[in-house]
Amino acid sequence: MASERKAFALRLDPALYDTLARLAAGDLRSVNAEIEVLLREALRARGAKIEANKDGANGGNDADGE
């Protein structure tokens, strides 16, 4: 389930973080969840397939169920 998520530090330009925070607030998400949604959208746009975890869940909480 969600407890099997990979944690790592991410350094961002403050202006980029502020933009992410505004987008996240507009979507009622945390900044972390917003980054994950944007990464999934970008990967999907590039044709990348996101493999499901062993338990069948992919760890995503974005609006389209991925």
N, C-alpha and C. Protein backbone atom coordinates (compact mmCIF):
# COMPACT_ATOMS: atom_id res chain seq x y z
N MET A 1 0.84 -1.18 0.00
CA MET A 1 0.00 0.00 0.00
C MET A 1 0.88 1.24 0.00
N ALA A 2 0.38 2.38 0.40
CA ALA A 2 1.11 3.63 0.33
C ALA A 2 2.34 3.65 1.22
N SER A 3 2.45 2.75 2.19
CA SER A 3 3.60 2.74 3.09
C SER A 3 4.87 2.29 2.37
N GLU A 4 4.75 1.71 1.19
CA GLU A 4 5.89 1.21 0.43
C GLU A 4 6.39 2.25 -0.58
N ARG A 5 6.37 3.50 -0.22
CA ARG A 5 6.76 4.56 -1.13
C ARG A 5 8.22 4.92 -0.92
N LYS A 6 8.89 5.31 -1.98
CA LYS A 6 10.29 5.69 -1.94
C LYS A 6 10.39 7.15 -1.52
N ALA A 7 11.17 7.42 -0.48
CA ALA A 7 11.37 8.79 -0.01
C ALA A 7 12.77 9.26 -0.42
N PHE A 8 12.86 10.51 -0.86
CA PHE A 8 14.16 11.09 -1.20
C PHE A 8 14.05 12.61 -1.12
N ALA A 9 15.20 13.26 -0.95
CA ALA A 9 15.24 14.72 -0.88
C ALA A 9 15.22 15.30 -2.29
N LEU A 10 14.52 16.39 -2.47
CA LEU A 10 14.44 17.05 -3.76
C LEU A 10 14.67 18.54 -3.55
N ARG A 11 15.70 19.07 -4.20
CA ARG A 11 15.98 20.50 -4.10
C ARG A 11 15.33 21.20 -5.29
N LEU A 12 14.54 22.24 -5.00
CA LEU A 12 13.82 22.97 -6.04
C LEU A 12 14.11 24.46 -5.93
N ASP A 13 14.07 25.12 -7.05
CA ASP A 13 14.11 26.58 -7.08
C ASP A 13 12.88 27.08 -6.31
N PRO A 14 13.04 28.09 -5.46
CA PRO A 14 11.89 28.58 -4.68
C PRO A 14 10.69 29.00 -5.53
N ALA A 15 10.94 29.59 -6.68
CA ALA A 15 9.83 30.01 -7.55
C ALA A 15 9.08 28.79 -8.09
N LEU A 16 9.81 27.73 -8.42
CA LEU A 16 9.18 26.50 -8.87
C LEU A 16 8.34 25.89 -7.76
N TYR A 17 8.89 25.86 -6.55
CA TYR A 17 8.14 25.32 -5.41
C TYR A 17 6.86 26.13 -5.17
N ASP A 18 6.96 27.45 -5.24
CA ASP A 18 5.78 28.29 -5.03
C ASP A 18 4.69 28.00 -6.06
N THR A 19 5.12 27.80 -7.31
CA THR A 19 4.16 27.48 -8.37
C THR A 19 3.51 26.12 -8.11
N LEU A 20 4.32 25.15 -7.72
CA LEU A 20 3.77 23.83 -7.38
C LEU A 20 2.79 23.92 -6.22
N ALA A 21 3.13 24.71 -5.21
CA ALA A 21 2.26 24.86 -4.04
C ALA A 21 0.92 25.48 -4.44
N ARG A 22 0.94 26.48 -5.33
CA ARG A 22 -0.32 27.09 -5.79
C ARG A 22 -1.16 26.09 -6.57
N LEU A 23 -0.52 25.33 -7.47
CA LEU A 23 -1.26 24.30 -8.22
C LEU A 23 -1.85 23.25 -7.28
N ALA A 24 -1.04 22.82 -6.33
CA ALA A 24 -1.49 21.80 -5.38
C ALA A 24 -2.69 22.29 -4.58
N ALA A 25 -2.61 23.53 -4.10
CA ALA A 25 -3.71 24.09 -3.31
C ALA A 25 -4.99 24.16 -4.15
N GLY A 26 -4.86 24.52 -5.41
CA GLY A 26 -6.02 24.59 -6.30
C GLY A 26 -6.66 23.23 -6.55
N ASP A 27 -5.86 22.18 -6.46
CA ASP A 27 -6.36 20.82 -6.66
C ASP A 27 -6.61 20.09 -5.34
N LEU A 28 -6.47 20.81 -4.23
CA LEU A 28 -6.64 20.23 -2.89
C LEU A 28 -5.72 19.04 -2.66
N ARG A 29 -4.45 19.20 -3.08
CA ARG A 29 -3.43 18.17 -2.90
C ARG A 29 -2.27 18.74 -2.12
N SER A 30 -1.45 17.85 -1.59
CA SER A 30 -0.18 18.26 -1.02
C SER A 30 0.77 18.55 -2.17
N VAL A 31 1.86 19.26 -1.89
CA VAL A 31 2.87 19.51 -2.93
C VAL A 31 3.44 18.19 -3.41
N ASN A 32 3.67 17.26 -2.50
CA ASN A 32 4.20 15.95 -2.87
C ASN A 32 3.26 15.24 -3.84
N ALA A 33 1.97 15.23 -3.54
CA ALA A 33 1.01 14.58 -4.43
C ALA A 33 0.94 15.29 -5.77
N GLU A 34 1.05 16.60 -5.77
CA GLU A 34 1.02 17.36 -7.03
C GLU A 34 2.22 17.00 -7.89
N ILE A 35 3.40 16.90 -7.29
CA ILE A 35 4.60 16.51 -8.03
C ILE A 35 4.42 15.12 -8.62
N GLU A 36 3.86 14.20 -7.85
CA GLU A 36 3.65 12.85 -8.34
C GLU A 36 2.68 12.82 -9.52
N VAL A 37 1.60 13.58 -9.44
CA VAL A 37 0.64 13.65 -10.53
C VAL A 37 1.31 14.23 -11.79
N LEU A 38 2.07 15.30 -11.62
CA LEU A 38 2.73 15.91 -12.77
C LEU A 38 3.77 14.98 -13.39
N LEU A 39 4.50 14.25 -12.56
CA LEU A 39 5.46 13.28 -13.07
C LEU A 39 4.76 12.17 -13.85
N ARG A 40 3.66 11.67 -13.31
CA ARG A 40 2.91 10.61 -14.01
C ARG A 40 2.37 11.12 -15.35
N GLU A 41 1.85 12.35 -15.38
CA GLU A 41 1.36 12.93 -16.62
C GLU A 41 2.49 13.06 -17.64
N ALA A 42 3.64 13.53 -17.20
CA ALA A 42 4.79 13.71 -18.09
C ALA A 42 5.28 12.36 -18.62
N LEU A 43 5.34 11.36 -17.75
CA LEU A 43 5.76 10.02 -18.19
C LEU A 43 4.78 9.44 -19.19
N ARG A 44 3.49 9.60 -18.92
CA ARG A 44 2.46 9.09 -19.82
C ARG A 44 2.57 9.79 -21.18
N ALA A 45 2.81 11.10 -21.18
CA ALA A 45 2.95 11.87 -22.42
C ALA A 45 4.15 11.40 -23.24
N ARG A 46 5.16 10.88 -22.57
CA ARG A 46 6.36 10.38 -23.26
C ARG A 46 6.23 8.90 -23.62
N GLY A 47 5.09 8.31 -23.29
CA GLY A 47 4.85 6.92 -23.65
C GLY A 47 5.43 5.91 -22.69
N ALA A 48 5.84 6.35 -21.50
CA ALA A 48 6.41 5.43 -20.51
C ALA A 48 5.29 4.71 -19.77
N LYS A 49 5.50 3.42 -19.55
CA LYS A 49 4.54 2.61 -18.79
C LYS A 49 5.03 2.51 -17.36
N ILE A 50 4.17 2.80 -16.42
CA ILE A 50 4.52 2.72 -15.00
C ILE A 50 4.14 1.34 -14.51
N GLU A 51 5.13 0.59 -14.09
CA GLU A 51 4.91 -0.78 -13.60
C GLU A 51 4.17 -0.75 -12.27
N ALA A 52 3.24 -1.68 -12.08
CA ALA A 52 2.53 -1.81 -10.81
C ALA A 52 3.45 -2.45 -9.78
N ASN A 53 3.24 -2.11 -8.51
CA ASN A 53 4.00 -2.74 -7.42
C ASN A 53 3.59 -4.20 -7.29
N LYS A 54 4.33 -4.94 -6.46
CA LYS A 54 4.04 -6.37 -6.25
C LYS A 54 2.61 -6.62 -5.79
N ASP A 55 2.07 -5.69 -4.98
CA ASP A 55 0.71 -5.88 -4.45
C ASP A 55 -0.36 -5.42 -5.44
N GLY A 56 0.04 -5.00 -6.64
CA GLY A 56 -0.91 -4.60 -7.65
C GLY A 56 -1.22 -3.12 -7.65
N ALA A 57 -0.78 -2.40 -6.62
CA ALA A 57 -1.02 -0.97 -6.55
C ALA A 57 0.19 -0.24 -7.11
N ASN A 58 -0.04 0.88 -7.77
CA ASN A 58 1.07 1.64 -8.29
C ASN A 58 1.44 2.82 -7.41
N GLY A 59 0.74 2.97 -6.30
CA GLY A 59 1.09 4.00 -5.34
C GLY A 59 0.56 5.37 -5.67
N GLY A 60 -0.18 5.51 -6.75
CA GLY A 60 -0.65 6.82 -7.15
C GLY A 60 -1.98 7.19 -6.53
N ASN A 61 -2.19 8.46 -6.36
CA ASN A 61 -3.45 8.97 -5.83
C ASN A 61 -4.02 10.01 -6.75
N ASP A 62 -3.62 10.02 -8.03
CA ASP A 62 -4.11 11.07 -8.90
C ASP A 62 -5.53 10.80 -9.35
N ALA A 63 -6.13 11.79 -9.94
CA ALA A 63 -7.56 11.78 -10.19
C ALA A 63 -8.02 10.69 -11.15
N ASP A 64 -7.13 10.23 -12.04
CA ASP A 64 -7.58 9.21 -12.99
C ASP A 64 -7.31 7.79 -12.51
N GLY A 65 -7.00 7.63 -11.22
CA GLY A 65 -6.90 6.31 -10.63
C GLY A 65 -5.58 5.61 -10.82
N GLU A 66 -4.58 6.31 -11.32
CA GLU A 66 -3.28 5.67 -11.50
C GLU A 66 -2.32 6.06 -10.42
